[in-house]
C-alpha cells in the first residue's frame, strides 16, 4: 500500500477559481454541432433544432463558458455566412476538416443556444484568411446596440438586443503549419494588436486573448509567446495555451504522470508573460486562457478518421472512445488547472459533444456520458472556491512520456508523486472538496489529510471512479459501464481525515464544517 500525507492550512492559498475555468469548446468539426448540439427532426429537438437530451447532459456537466466556432475551422470562416435567413446561407468547403459546411448553425443560433443553456458565449475571430477589419465588423454586428448598418442588420435578422459577448479570441493556433494562412510570431503579433485596438475602440468592456503556442512541443514555443506579447501586451488580457495528452506508447504510469507537464507548461508561460511585463516595468499581469485541453490520441493517427473523401457534411470524425485510463489522466489535468487558479482564469475542455468529447450521441438516437464526463462534472460543480496550497508527502515514481509531433519523437522524463491532489474551499460554507488521483496502477493508497485550523468536522460525501479494467469504455449499448461509486470508509476525527483510495482511481471527497 502507498502512503500519502497531505497538510492543508487556511492561510496557505493559491487563489480563487474564476467561473470561466470550467469552460468547454464547440467547433464546426465532425458531429460536434450537427448531430450533437443541433439536429432538427431529432425526437428531442426543440423548435430551433437544439437537442434537448444533449442539453440536459451539458447542464449536468455544468460548463460556465463555451468557445465557438473554432479551432482550426475559424481560420477560414466568414462570419457573414452564418447569419441571416438559413435558406439563403451558402455552403462552403471547410479546409480545416475537409468537410462541407452548410452554415445552418451560426453565430445567432450559438448565442440562442448559450442563452438557453445558461452558458456564457466566447467567440473567436478569423485572423487566418481574414483580418482586423472583418473582426471589428463581427464585433459591431454582435455587440453594438443599434443605429449602424451592422447592428441594424442583426436586428433585421431577428435579434433586436445586442449579444453582449465579453470574451473574444484573436484567432486560433496561428503558429501551426496546419492552420489556414499560418503566420510567424511577428506577423501574427502585428495583426493581433491592430485587431485588438479596433475591437476595444468599439467595445472597451470586452476581454481579449492572444494566441499562444498551439503546444509546448512546438519548435517556436517560448519565443512565440514572448514576441506576440511584445506586440500585444498593452491591448490584450490573456494569452492562450493548448495541450492534449496521449498514451501512444501504451505506458499507463507515464500517461498518468503527463498532467504534471501541463503544470510546467503553465508555469513557463507565466514566467514569459511576467518577463515581458518586467521589461516594461508594468504592474499589469497577463492571465492565461487554457482554451483547448483534453486527452486525444487514437483518432489523431488514423488519416481516414480525419479526412473522409467527397467533402461530406458533418462526418463522424475524431470520435474518441474514452477509457477508464483516459478518465484518470483527464482528472489529473483538472487538478493541474485548479492548482494554477491564480493565473489560469479561463479554460475550455475541447470539445463538448462527439468530437473528442465527454458526451456522445447517435444521430437520430441516444446520447450518453463518456468516462471523462465524470471528473469534469465534479471539477465543475465542486471546484469553485479558493484553492488551498497542499503540502504532499508521497512516494514518487519515474517515467518517460512519449509525445510525437510530425517527424519528431519527443520524450519527456517525469518524476511524479503517486498522489496528485487539489483542495478547494467553498467560501460560503467553509467546506472543502478534495480531488485526489491515485496514480499507482496496482496498489491502494492510504491517504491522511491534516486539516488543522480549517474547522472541518464531517465527511459530507465521498465518490470514487475506478474499474477493474483500465480499458473499459461507455457505449450506447452500455452507457453506464464506467461511473462513479461510493468511496467507503472515509473518516474525519480531531482535524485529520483518512481514506483508502483504490489503485488507479479518481476520488472526490467533500468535507463539511457541521458535525
Protein backbone atom coordinates (compact mmCIF):
# COMPACT_ATOMS: atom_id res chain seq x y z
CA UNK A 1 0.00 0.00 0.00
CA UNK A 2 1.17 3.52 -0.82
CA UNK A 3 1.01 6.09 1.98
CA UNK A 4 0.35 9.77 1.35
CA UNK A 5 0.12 12.61 3.88
CA UNK A 6 -1.30 15.99 2.92
CA UNK A 7 -1.22 19.14 5.01
CA UNK A 8 -3.72 21.94 4.38
CA UNK A 9 -3.86 25.27 6.22
CA UNK A 10 -6.49 28.06 5.96
CA UNK A 11 -3.92 30.80 5.30
CA UNK A 12 -2.00 28.89 2.63
CA UNK A 13 -3.92 29.53 -0.58
CA UNK A 14 -3.17 29.55 -4.31
CA UNK A 15 -6.08 31.71 -5.42
CA UNK A 16 -9.77 31.79 -6.20
CA UNK A 17 -11.10 29.88 -9.18
CA UNK A 18 -12.67 32.07 -11.84
CA UNK A 19 -16.07 30.81 -13.03
CA UNK A 20 -14.64 30.68 -16.58
CA UNK A 21 -12.16 27.97 -15.53
CA UNK A 22 -14.91 25.42 -16.11
CA UNK A 23 -15.49 26.09 -19.79
CA UNK A 24 -15.83 23.98 -22.91
CA UNK A 25 -15.39 24.28 -26.67
CA UNK A 26 -17.71 23.84 -29.66
CA UNK A 27 -16.24 23.79 -33.17
CA UNK A 28 -17.69 23.05 -36.58
CA UNK A 29 -15.85 19.75 -36.56
CA UNK A 30 -17.43 16.42 -37.40
CA UNK A 31 -20.67 15.91 -35.49
CA UNK A 32 -20.00 18.36 -32.68
CA UNK A 33 -22.60 20.85 -33.94
CA UNK A 34 -24.67 18.92 -36.49
CA UNK A 35 -25.96 15.78 -34.81
CA UNK A 36 -24.57 16.93 -31.46
CA UNK A 37 -25.93 20.28 -30.33
CA UNK A 38 -28.20 20.86 -33.30
CA UNK A 39 -30.36 18.30 -35.06
CA UNK A 40 -33.74 19.46 -36.37
CA UNK A 41 -36.05 16.46 -36.58
CA UNK A 42 -34.47 14.61 -33.66
CA UNK A 43 -37.12 13.24 -31.27
CA UNK A 44 -35.85 15.55 -28.51
CA UNK A 45 -35.21 18.64 -30.67
CA UNK A 46 -36.93 21.88 -29.71
CA UNK A 47 -38.43 24.32 -32.20
CA UNK A 48 -34.97 25.72 -33.00
CA UNK A 49 -33.42 22.31 -33.62
CA UNK A 50 -31.46 22.14 -30.35
CA UNK A 51 -31.21 18.58 -28.99
CA UNK A 52 -32.70 18.64 -25.51
CA UNK A 53 -31.16 15.31 -24.50
CA UNK A 54 -27.71 16.70 -25.22
CA UNK A 55 -28.56 19.95 -23.45
CA UNK A 56 -29.64 18.02 -20.34
CA UNK A 57 -26.29 16.23 -20.19
CA UNK A 58 -24.48 19.52 -20.72
CA UNK A 59 -26.44 21.01 -17.81
CA UNK A 60 -25.23 18.10 -15.69
CA UNK A 61 -21.68 18.76 -16.85
CA UNK A 62 -22.15 22.47 -15.97
CA UNK A 63 -19.68 24.29 -18.22
CA UNK A 64 -19.59 28.01 -17.49
CA UNK A 65 -18.42 29.38 -20.86
CA UNK A 66 -18.21 27.88 -24.37
CA UNK A 67 -15.73 28.85 -27.08
CA UNK A 68 -17.01 28.99 -30.69
CA UNK A 69 -16.71 28.49 -33.73
CA UNK A 70 -13.14 27.15 -33.63
CA UNK A 71 -10.50 25.95 -33.51
CA UNK A 72 -8.92 25.34 -36.87
CA UNK A 73 -12.30 25.97 -38.50
CA UNK A 74 -12.25 29.66 -37.60
CA UNK A 75 -9.14 30.40 -39.68
CA UNK A 76 -11.19 30.03 -42.86
CA UNK A 77 -14.58 31.15 -41.55
CA UNK A 78 -16.57 34.08 -42.91
CA UNK A 79 -18.89 35.04 -40.07
CA UNK A 80 -21.30 36.61 -42.54
CA UNK A 81 -22.03 33.14 -43.97
CA UNK A 82 -23.63 32.05 -40.69
CA UNK A 83 -26.13 34.88 -40.18
CA UNK A 84 -29.37 35.84 -41.91
CA UNK A 85 -32.13 33.57 -43.24
CA UNK A 86 -30.97 29.97 -43.12
CA UNK A 87 -32.33 29.18 -46.57
CA UNK A 88 -30.09 31.89 -48.04
CA UNK A 89 -26.85 30.84 -46.36
CA UNK A 90 -24.09 29.46 -48.59
CA UNK A 91 -22.45 26.08 -48.25
CA UNK A 92 -18.64 26.26 -48.21
CA UNK A 93 -15.70 23.89 -48.35
CA UNK A 94 -14.09 23.70 -44.92
CA UNK A 95 -10.35 23.15 -45.41
CA UNK A 96 -9.73 22.58 -41.70
CA UNK A 97 -11.64 19.28 -41.59
CA UNK A 98 -12.12 18.56 -45.32
CA UNK A 99 -15.89 18.83 -44.96
CA UNK A 100 -18.77 20.82 -46.40
CA UNK A 101 -20.11 23.47 -44.05
CA UNK A 102 -23.79 24.25 -44.58
CA UNK A 103 -23.84 27.26 -42.22
CA UNK A 104 -27.27 26.28 -40.93
CA UNK A 105 -25.95 26.85 -37.43
CA UNK A 106 -24.13 30.15 -36.99
CA UNK A 107 -23.48 32.96 -34.55
CA UNK A 108 -27.07 33.83 -33.71
CA UNK A 109 -28.03 30.19 -33.23
CA UNK A 110 -24.99 29.73 -31.00
CA UNK A 111 -25.96 32.74 -28.89
CA UNK A 112 -29.51 31.42 -28.56
CA UNK A 113 -28.16 28.00 -27.60
CA UNK A 114 -25.92 29.59 -24.94
CA UNK A 115 -28.79 31.63 -23.52
CA UNK A 116 -31.00 28.54 -23.37
CA UNK A 117 -28.23 26.55 -21.68
CA UNK A 118 -27.35 29.49 -19.38
CA UNK A 119 -23.73 29.46 -20.52
CA UNK A 120 -21.55 32.47 -21.34
CA UNK A 121 -20.54 32.65 -25.02
CA UNK A 122 -16.91 33.09 -26.10
CA UNK A 123 -16.27 33.98 -29.74
CA UNK A 124 -13.13 33.64 -31.86
CA UNK A 125 -12.33 35.83 -34.86
CA UNK A 126 -10.66 34.72 -38.09
CA UNK A 127 -7.10 36.04 -38.28
CA UNK A 128 -6.07 33.42 -40.83
CA UNK A 129 -7.75 34.17 -44.15
CA UNK A 130 -9.18 37.45 -42.83
CA UNK A 131 -8.00 40.37 -40.71
CA UNK A 132 -8.88 43.04 -38.19
CA UNK A 133 -11.47 44.69 -40.40
CA UNK A 134 -13.62 41.56 -40.52
CA UNK A 135 -13.14 41.10 -36.77
CA UNK A 136 -14.28 44.60 -35.85
CA UNK A 137 -17.29 44.26 -38.15
CA UNK A 138 -18.16 40.95 -36.45
CA UNK A 139 -17.96 42.62 -33.04
CA UNK A 140 -20.13 45.53 -34.20
CA UNK A 141 -22.76 43.09 -35.50
CA UNK A 142 -22.79 41.22 -32.19
CA UNK A 143 -22.41 43.91 -29.54
CA UNK A 144 -23.39 47.35 -30.84
CA UNK A 145 -26.90 48.26 -29.64
CA UNK A 146 -28.16 49.86 -32.86
CA UNK A 147 -28.07 52.72 -35.31
CA UNK A 148 -25.36 51.36 -37.61
CA UNK A 149 -25.60 49.19 -40.69
CA UNK A 150 -24.27 46.08 -38.97
CA UNK A 151 -26.20 46.43 -35.71
CA UNK A 152 -29.37 47.11 -37.66
CA UNK A 153 -28.62 44.04 -39.79
CA UNK A 154 -28.59 41.93 -36.62
CA UNK A 155 -31.99 43.37 -35.74
CA UNK A 156 -33.30 42.56 -39.23
CA UNK A 157 -32.09 39.01 -38.71
CA UNK A 158 -34.32 38.74 -35.62
CA UNK A 159 -32.06 39.65 -32.70
CA UNK A 160 -33.06 43.15 -31.55
CA UNK A 161 -30.86 43.16 -28.45
CA UNK A 162 -27.05 43.06 -28.64
CA UNK A 163 -25.42 39.74 -27.87
CA UNK A 164 -23.03 41.50 -25.47
CA UNK A 165 -20.25 38.91 -25.88
CA UNK A 166 -17.49 39.83 -23.43
CA UNK A 167 -14.71 37.34 -24.23
CA UNK A 168 -13.06 37.18 -27.67
CA UNK A 169 -10.16 35.11 -29.02
CA UNK A 170 -7.82 36.71 -31.57
CA UNK A 171 -7.56 33.79 -33.96
CA UNK A 172 -6.51 30.21 -33.29
CA UNK A 173 -3.15 28.38 -33.28
CA UNK A 174 -1.60 30.75 -35.78
CA UNK A 175 1.83 29.15 -35.24
CA UNK A 176 0.65 25.82 -36.69
CA UNK A 177 1.51 24.88 -40.30
CA UNK A 178 -1.83 23.04 -40.45
CA UNK A 179 -3.58 26.40 -39.99
CA UNK A 180 -5.06 28.26 -42.94
CA UNK A 181 -2.64 31.15 -43.54
CA UNK A 182 -0.40 30.39 -40.58
CA UNK A 183 1.83 33.28 -39.55
CA UNK A 184 5.15 33.96 -37.92
CA UNK A 185 5.08 35.40 -34.42
CA UNK A 186 5.81 38.88 -35.75
CA UNK A 187 3.18 38.62 -38.46
CA UNK A 188 0.57 37.40 -36.02
CA UNK A 189 1.59 39.92 -33.34
CA UNK A 190 1.12 42.82 -35.74
CA UNK A 191 -2.33 41.76 -36.97
CA UNK A 192 -3.43 40.82 -33.43
CA UNK A 193 -2.53 44.19 -31.92
CA UNK A 194 -4.25 46.13 -34.71
CA UNK A 195 -7.33 43.93 -34.39
CA UNK A 196 -7.35 44.34 -30.61
CA UNK A 197 -7.15 48.14 -30.89
CA UNK A 198 -10.14 48.37 -33.20
CA UNK A 199 -12.23 45.90 -31.23
CA UNK A 200 -11.66 47.71 -27.94
CA UNK A 201 -12.41 51.05 -29.59
CA UNK A 202 -15.83 49.64 -30.48
CA UNK A 203 -16.46 47.98 -27.10
CA UNK A 204 -14.00 48.80 -24.30
CA UNK A 205 -15.72 46.30 -21.98
CA UNK A 206 -14.55 43.20 -23.87
CA UNK A 207 -11.65 40.96 -22.87
CA UNK A 208 -9.22 39.62 -25.47
CA UNK A 209 -6.99 36.55 -25.62
CA UNK A 210 -3.95 36.44 -27.92
CA UNK A 211 -2.83 33.14 -29.41
CA UNK A 212 -0.04 31.41 -27.58
CA UNK A 213 1.72 28.33 -28.89
CA UNK A 214 -0.53 25.53 -30.07
CA UNK A 215 1.51 23.17 -27.88
CA UNK A 216 4.52 23.03 -25.60
CA UNK A 217 6.25 20.81 -28.16
CA UNK A 218 6.13 23.38 -30.98
CA UNK A 219 9.62 24.38 -32.24
CA UNK A 220 8.84 28.09 -31.73
CA UNK A 221 7.41 27.63 -28.22
CA UNK A 222 8.60 30.32 -25.82
CA UNK A 223 9.89 32.64 -28.50
CA UNK A 224 6.35 32.78 -29.91
CA UNK A 225 4.82 33.85 -26.59
CA UNK A 226 7.48 36.49 -25.99
CA UNK A 227 7.20 38.01 -29.48
CA UNK A 228 3.40 38.01 -29.54
CA UNK A 229 3.20 39.64 -26.11
CA UNK A 230 5.80 42.24 -27.07
CA UNK A 231 3.32 43.33 -29.75
CA UNK A 232 0.04 42.90 -27.88
CA UNK A 233 0.82 43.38 -24.16
CA UNK A 234 -0.94 46.72 -23.77
CA UNK A 235 -4.07 45.62 -25.64
CA UNK A 236 -4.87 42.05 -24.53
CA UNK A 237 -5.83 40.46 -21.24
CA UNK A 238 -4.92 36.80 -21.79
CA UNK A 239 -2.62 34.54 -23.73
CA UNK A 240 -3.89 31.13 -24.75
CA UNK A 241 -2.46 27.67 -24.16
CA UNK A 242 -3.45 24.38 -25.80
CA UNK A 243 -2.47 20.88 -24.84
CA UNK A 244 -3.62 17.33 -25.49
CA UNK A 245 -2.06 14.41 -23.67
CA UNK A 246 -1.84 10.90 -25.07
CA UNK A 247 -0.97 7.29 -24.42
CA UNK A 248 0.52 6.41 -27.80
CA UNK A 249 3.20 4.40 -26.02
CA UNK A 250 0.71 2.28 -24.06
CA UNK A 251 2.52 3.23 -20.84
CA UNK A 252 -0.17 3.90 -18.22
CA UNK A 253 2.16 5.21 -15.46
CA UNK A 254 3.72 7.74 -17.88
CA UNK A 255 0.26 8.67 -19.17
CA UNK A 256 -0.99 9.38 -15.65
CA UNK A 257 2.13 11.43 -14.96
CA UNK A 258 1.60 13.55 -18.09
CA UNK A 259 -0.63 16.18 -16.39
CA UNK A 260 2.49 17.26 -14.49
CA UNK A 261 3.85 18.52 -17.84
CA UNK A 262 0.75 20.72 -18.00
CA UNK A 263 1.85 22.26 -14.69
CA UNK A 264 5.24 23.04 -16.19
CA UNK A 265 3.68 24.49 -19.34
CA UNK A 266 1.55 26.88 -17.29
CA UNK A 267 4.43 27.99 -15.11
CA UNK A 268 6.69 28.60 -18.10
CA UNK A 269 4.11 30.75 -19.90
CA UNK A 270 3.50 32.72 -16.70
CA UNK A 271 7.26 33.35 -16.44
CA UNK A 272 7.44 34.56 -20.06
CA UNK A 273 4.42 36.85 -19.66
CA UNK A 274 5.83 38.32 -16.46
CA UNK A 275 9.23 38.84 -18.10
CA UNK A 276 7.53 40.91 -20.82
CA UNK A 277 5.79 42.90 -18.08
CA UNK A 278 9.08 43.38 -16.23
CA UNK A 279 10.79 44.81 -19.31
CA UNK A 280 8.01 47.40 -19.40
CA UNK A 281 8.18 47.93 -15.64
CA UNK A 282 4.45 47.27 -15.76
CA UNK A 283 2.28 46.06 -12.86
CA UNK A 284 -0.14 44.53 -15.38
CA UNK A 285 -0.32 40.75 -15.33
CA UNK A 286 -1.40 38.78 -18.38
CA UNK A 287 -3.68 35.93 -17.36
CA UNK A 288 -3.84 32.54 -19.06
CA UNK A 289 -6.68 31.12 -21.12
CA UNK A 290 -6.22 27.35 -21.45
CA UNK A 291 -8.86 27.26 -24.14
CA UNK A 292 -8.11 23.78 -25.51
CA UNK A 293 -7.24 20.81 -23.33
CA UNK A 294 -8.12 17.12 -23.27
CA UNK A 295 -6.91 13.58 -23.83
CA UNK A 296 -6.63 12.91 -27.58
CA UNK A 297 -4.60 10.36 -29.50
CA UNK A 298 -6.31 7.37 -31.08
CA UNK A 299 -8.04 9.31 -33.83
CA UNK A 300 -5.03 11.55 -34.48
CA UNK A 301 -3.11 8.68 -36.04
CA UNK A 302 -5.90 7.48 -38.33
CA UNK A 303 -5.99 9.53 -41.56
CA UNK A 304 -9.35 8.13 -42.66
CA UNK A 305 -10.85 9.31 -39.39
CA UNK A 306 -9.77 12.90 -40.07
CA UNK A 307 -10.39 13.23 -43.80
CA UNK A 308 -13.35 11.44 -45.34
CA UNK A 309 -13.50 11.53 -49.16
CA UNK A 310 -16.11 13.54 -51.01
CA UNK A 311 -16.34 16.62 -48.74
CA UNK A 312 -19.16 15.20 -46.56
CA UNK A 313 -21.40 17.23 -44.26
CA UNK A 314 -20.71 16.62 -40.55
CA UNK A 315 -18.78 13.35 -40.95
CA UNK A 316 -18.22 11.25 -37.80
CA UNK A 317 -14.55 12.17 -37.28
CA UNK A 318 -12.32 12.41 -34.20
CA UNK A 319 -14.78 10.43 -32.12
CA UNK A 320 -12.53 9.14 -29.34
CA UNK A 321 -13.95 6.31 -27.23
CA UNK A 322 -12.56 7.28 -23.83
CA UNK A 323 -11.35 4.58 -21.46
CA UNK A 324 -11.03 4.40 -17.70
CA UNK A 325 -7.32 5.22 -18.04
CA UNK A 326 -8.21 8.29 -20.09
CA UNK A 327 -10.58 9.46 -17.35
CA UNK A 328 -7.78 9.21 -14.79
CA UNK A 329 -5.33 11.25 -16.88
CA UNK A 330 -8.12 13.72 -17.62
CA UNK A 331 -8.80 14.08 -13.90
CA UNK A 332 -5.13 14.86 -13.38
CA UNK A 333 -5.48 17.72 -15.88
CA UNK A 334 -8.43 19.09 -13.88
CA UNK A 335 -6.19 19.11 -10.80
CA UNK A 336 -3.45 20.94 -12.70
CA UNK A 337 -5.89 23.68 -13.68
CA UNK A 338 -7.14 24.08 -10.12
CA UNK A 339 -3.62 24.29 -8.72
CA UNK A 340 -2.89 27.27 -11.01
CA UNK A 341 -6.10 29.16 -10.36
CA UNK A 342 -4.12 32.31 -9.57
CA UNK A 343 -3.16 32.72 -13.25
CA UNK A 344 -5.30 30.32 -15.31
CA UNK A 345 -8.59 32.19 -15.28
CA UNK A 346 -10.20 30.59 -18.35
CA UNK A 347 -10.12 27.01 -19.58
CA UNK A 348 -12.13 25.18 -22.26
CA UNK A 349 -12.41 21.43 -22.47
CA UNK A 350 -12.09 20.52 -26.14
CA UNK A 351 -14.64 19.57 -27.21
CA UNK A 352 -18.17 19.30 -25.86
CA UNK A 353 -20.07 16.74 -27.98
CA UNK A 354 -18.95 13.80 -30.18
CA UNK A 355 -15.56 15.09 -31.38
CA UNK A 356 -13.02 14.30 -28.62
CA UNK A 357 -15.83 14.93 -26.16
CA UNK A 358 -17.33 13.90 -22.81
CA UNK A 359 -20.76 13.46 -24.42
CA UNK A 360 -21.55 11.15 -27.33
CA UNK A 361 -24.68 10.95 -29.44
CA UNK A 362 -26.16 8.84 -32.16
CA UNK A 363 -27.58 10.96 -34.97
CA UNK A 364 -31.30 10.42 -34.59
CA UNK A 365 -30.72 8.37 -31.45
CA UNK A 366 -29.44 8.37 -27.90
CA UNK A 367 -26.91 10.48 -26.02
CA UNK A 368 -24.61 9.20 -23.26
CA UNK A 369 -21.74 10.11 -20.96
CA UNK A 370 -18.16 9.10 -21.73
CA UNK A 371 -15.76 8.22 -18.92
CA UNK A 372 -14.19 11.70 -18.88
CA UNK A 373 -17.63 13.22 -18.23
CA UNK A 374 -17.47 12.40 -14.54
CA UNK A 375 -14.20 14.08 -13.49
CA UNK A 376 -15.23 17.24 -15.35
CA UNK A 377 -18.70 17.34 -13.79
CA UNK A 378 -17.24 17.00 -10.29
CA UNK A 379 -14.50 19.54 -11.07
CA UNK A 380 -17.11 21.99 -12.38
CA UNK A 381 -19.61 21.58 -9.55
CA UNK A 382 -17.20 21.41 -6.61
CA UNK A 383 -14.08 23.20 -7.86
CA UNK A 384 -15.50 26.69 -7.40
CA UNK A 385 -13.91 28.49 -4.49
CA UNK A 386 -10.45 29.12 -3.06
CA UNK A 387 -7.74 26.60 -3.91
CA UNK A 388 -5.64 25.68 -0.88
CA UNK A 389 -1.94 25.04 -1.16
CA UNK A 390 -1.30 21.38 -0.37
CA UNK A 391 1.92 20.08 1.16
CA UNK A 392 2.17 16.48 -0.04
CA UNK A 393 4.44 13.75 1.27
CA UNK A 394 4.14 10.73 -1.01
CA UNK A 395 6.35 8.21 -2.78
CA UNK A 396 7.41 9.17 -6.30
CA UNK A 397 8.00 7.22 -9.48
CA UNK A 398 9.98 7.92 -12.66
CA UNK A 399 8.60 7.58 -16.17
CA UNK A 400 9.19 8.84 -19.70
CA UNK A 401 6.27 10.39 -21.55
CA UNK A 402 6.22 9.97 -25.33
CA UNK A 403 4.70 12.79 -27.40
CA UNK A 404 5.13 12.60 -31.18
CA UNK A 405 4.82 15.73 -33.30
CA UNK A 406 5.17 15.19 -37.04
CA UNK A 407 8.55 13.62 -37.73
CA UNK A 408 9.73 14.28 -34.18
CA UNK A 409 9.65 11.72 -31.40
CA UNK A 410 9.71 13.75 -28.22
CA UNK A 411 10.29 12.11 -24.87
CA UNK A 412 9.93 13.90 -21.54
CA UNK A 413 11.28 12.36 -18.31
CA UNK A 414 8.85 12.87 -15.42
CA UNK A 415 9.28 12.25 -11.71
CA UNK A 416 5.75 12.20 -10.29
CA UNK A 417 4.18 11.58 -6.92
CA UNK A 418 1.68 8.74 -6.90
CA UNK A 419 -0.82 11.19 -5.41
CA UNK A 420 -1.99 14.19 -7.44
CA UNK A 421 -4.34 16.37 -5.40
CA UNK A 422 -6.18 19.69 -5.28
CA UNK A 423 -8.24 21.08 -2.41
CA UNK A 424 -10.90 23.77 -2.90
CA UNK A 425 -12.64 25.64 -0.08
CA UNK A 426 -16.20 26.87 -0.56
CA UNK A 427 -16.08 30.33 1.00
CA UNK A 428 -19.85 30.39 1.59
CA UNK A 429 -19.93 27.23 3.70
CA UNK A 430 -16.32 26.72 4.77
CA UNK A 431 -16.43 23.20 3.35
CA UNK A 432 -13.50 21.76 1.39
CA UNK A 433 -13.56 19.40 -1.58
CA UNK A 434 -10.58 17.13 -2.12
CA UNK A 435 -9.84 15.94 -5.66
CA UNK A 436 -7.38 13.05 -5.40
CA UNK A 437 -5.87 10.86 -8.10
CA UNK A 438 -4.10 7.66 -7.07
CA UNK A 439 -1.71 7.06 -9.96
CA UNK A 440 -0.41 3.73 -8.72
CA UNK A 441 -1.77 1.10 -11.13
CA UNK A 442 -1.86 -1.80 -8.65
CA UNK A 443 -1.56 -0.51 -5.07
CA UNK A 444 -4.23 1.16 -2.93
CA UNK A 445 -3.28 4.41 -1.20
CA UNK A 446 -3.75 5.28 2.46
CA UNK A 447 -4.49 9.00 2.39
CA UNK A 448 -4.10 11.13 5.50
CA UNK A 449 -5.22 14.77 5.45
CA UNK A 450 -4.01 17.14 8.19
CA UNK A 451 -6.73 19.81 8.33
CA UNK A 452 -5.85 21.77 11.47
CA UNK A 453 -7.42 25.23 11.52
CA UNK A 454 -9.96 24.60 8.76
CA UNK A 455 -12.84 23.75 11.10
CA UNK A 456 -13.82 20.62 9.18
CA UNK A 457 -15.80 18.06 11.14
CA UNK A 458 -17.63 15.72 8.75
CA UNK A 459 -17.40 13.79 5.52
CA UNK A 460 -20.37 15.06 3.52
CA UNK A 461 -19.82 12.81 0.50
CA UNK A 462 -17.10 10.63 -0.97
CA UNK A 463 -17.11 9.26 -4.51
CA UNK A 464 -14.65 7.14 -6.43
CA UNK A 465 -14.22 6.46 -10.15
CA UNK A 466 -12.36 3.23 -10.91
CA UNK A 467 -12.83 -0.01 -12.82
CA UNK A 468 -11.26 -3.44 -12.86
CA UNK A 469 -10.21 -2.74 -16.46
CA UNK A 470 -8.39 0.45 -17.44
CA UNK A 471 -9.58 -0.20 -21.00
CA UNK A 472 -13.28 -0.05 -20.04
CA UNK A 473 -15.41 2.43 -22.02
CA UNK A 474 -19.02 3.61 -22.09
CA UNK A 475 -21.03 2.91 -25.23
CA UNK A 476 -24.57 3.40 -26.48
CA UNK A 477 -25.20 -0.25 -25.64
CA UNK A 478 -23.62 0.02 -22.18
CA UNK A 479 -23.63 3.73 -21.23
CA UNK A 480 -23.00 3.16 -17.51
CA UNK A 481 -20.12 0.68 -17.70
CA UNK A 482 -17.86 3.27 -16.02
CA UNK A 483 -19.43 5.61 -13.49
CA UNK A 484 -18.59 6.89 -10.00
CA UNK A 485 -19.44 4.82 -6.95
CA UNK A 486 -19.22 5.37 -3.24
CA UNK A 487 -15.81 5.71 -1.63
CA UNK A 488 -16.47 3.86 1.59
CA UNK A 489 -14.55 4.25 4.81
CA UNK A 490 -13.62 7.94 4.55
CA UNK A 491 -13.49 9.41 8.08
CA UNK A 492 -12.58 12.60 9.91
CA UNK A 493 -11.58 12.97 13.56
CA UNK A 494 -9.54 15.52 15.51
CA UNK A 495 -8.78 17.57 12.38
CA UNK A 496 -7.46 14.54 10.50
CA UNK A 497 -9.30 12.92 7.59
CA UNK A 498 -8.44 9.49 6.28
CA UNK A 499 -9.44 7.47 3.23
CA UNK A 500 -8.21 4.46 1.31
CA UNK A 501 -8.04 5.13 -2.41
CA UNK A 502 -8.27 2.23 -4.83
CA UNK A 503 -5.43 1.63 -7.27
CA UNK A 504 -5.75 3.80 -10.42
CA UNK A 505 -8.68 5.82 -9.10
CA UNK A 506 -10.13 9.34 -9.25
CA UNK A 507 -11.67 10.43 -5.95
CA UNK A 508 -13.78 13.36 -4.77
CA UNK A 509 -14.16 13.83 -1.01
CA UNK A 510 -16.35 16.63 0.31
CA UNK A 511 -15.67 17.74 3.87
CA UNK A 512 -18.03 19.96 5.87
CA UNK A 513 -17.91 22.16 8.95
CA UNK A 514 -21.04 20.72 10.58
CA UNK A 515 -20.87 17.52 12.61
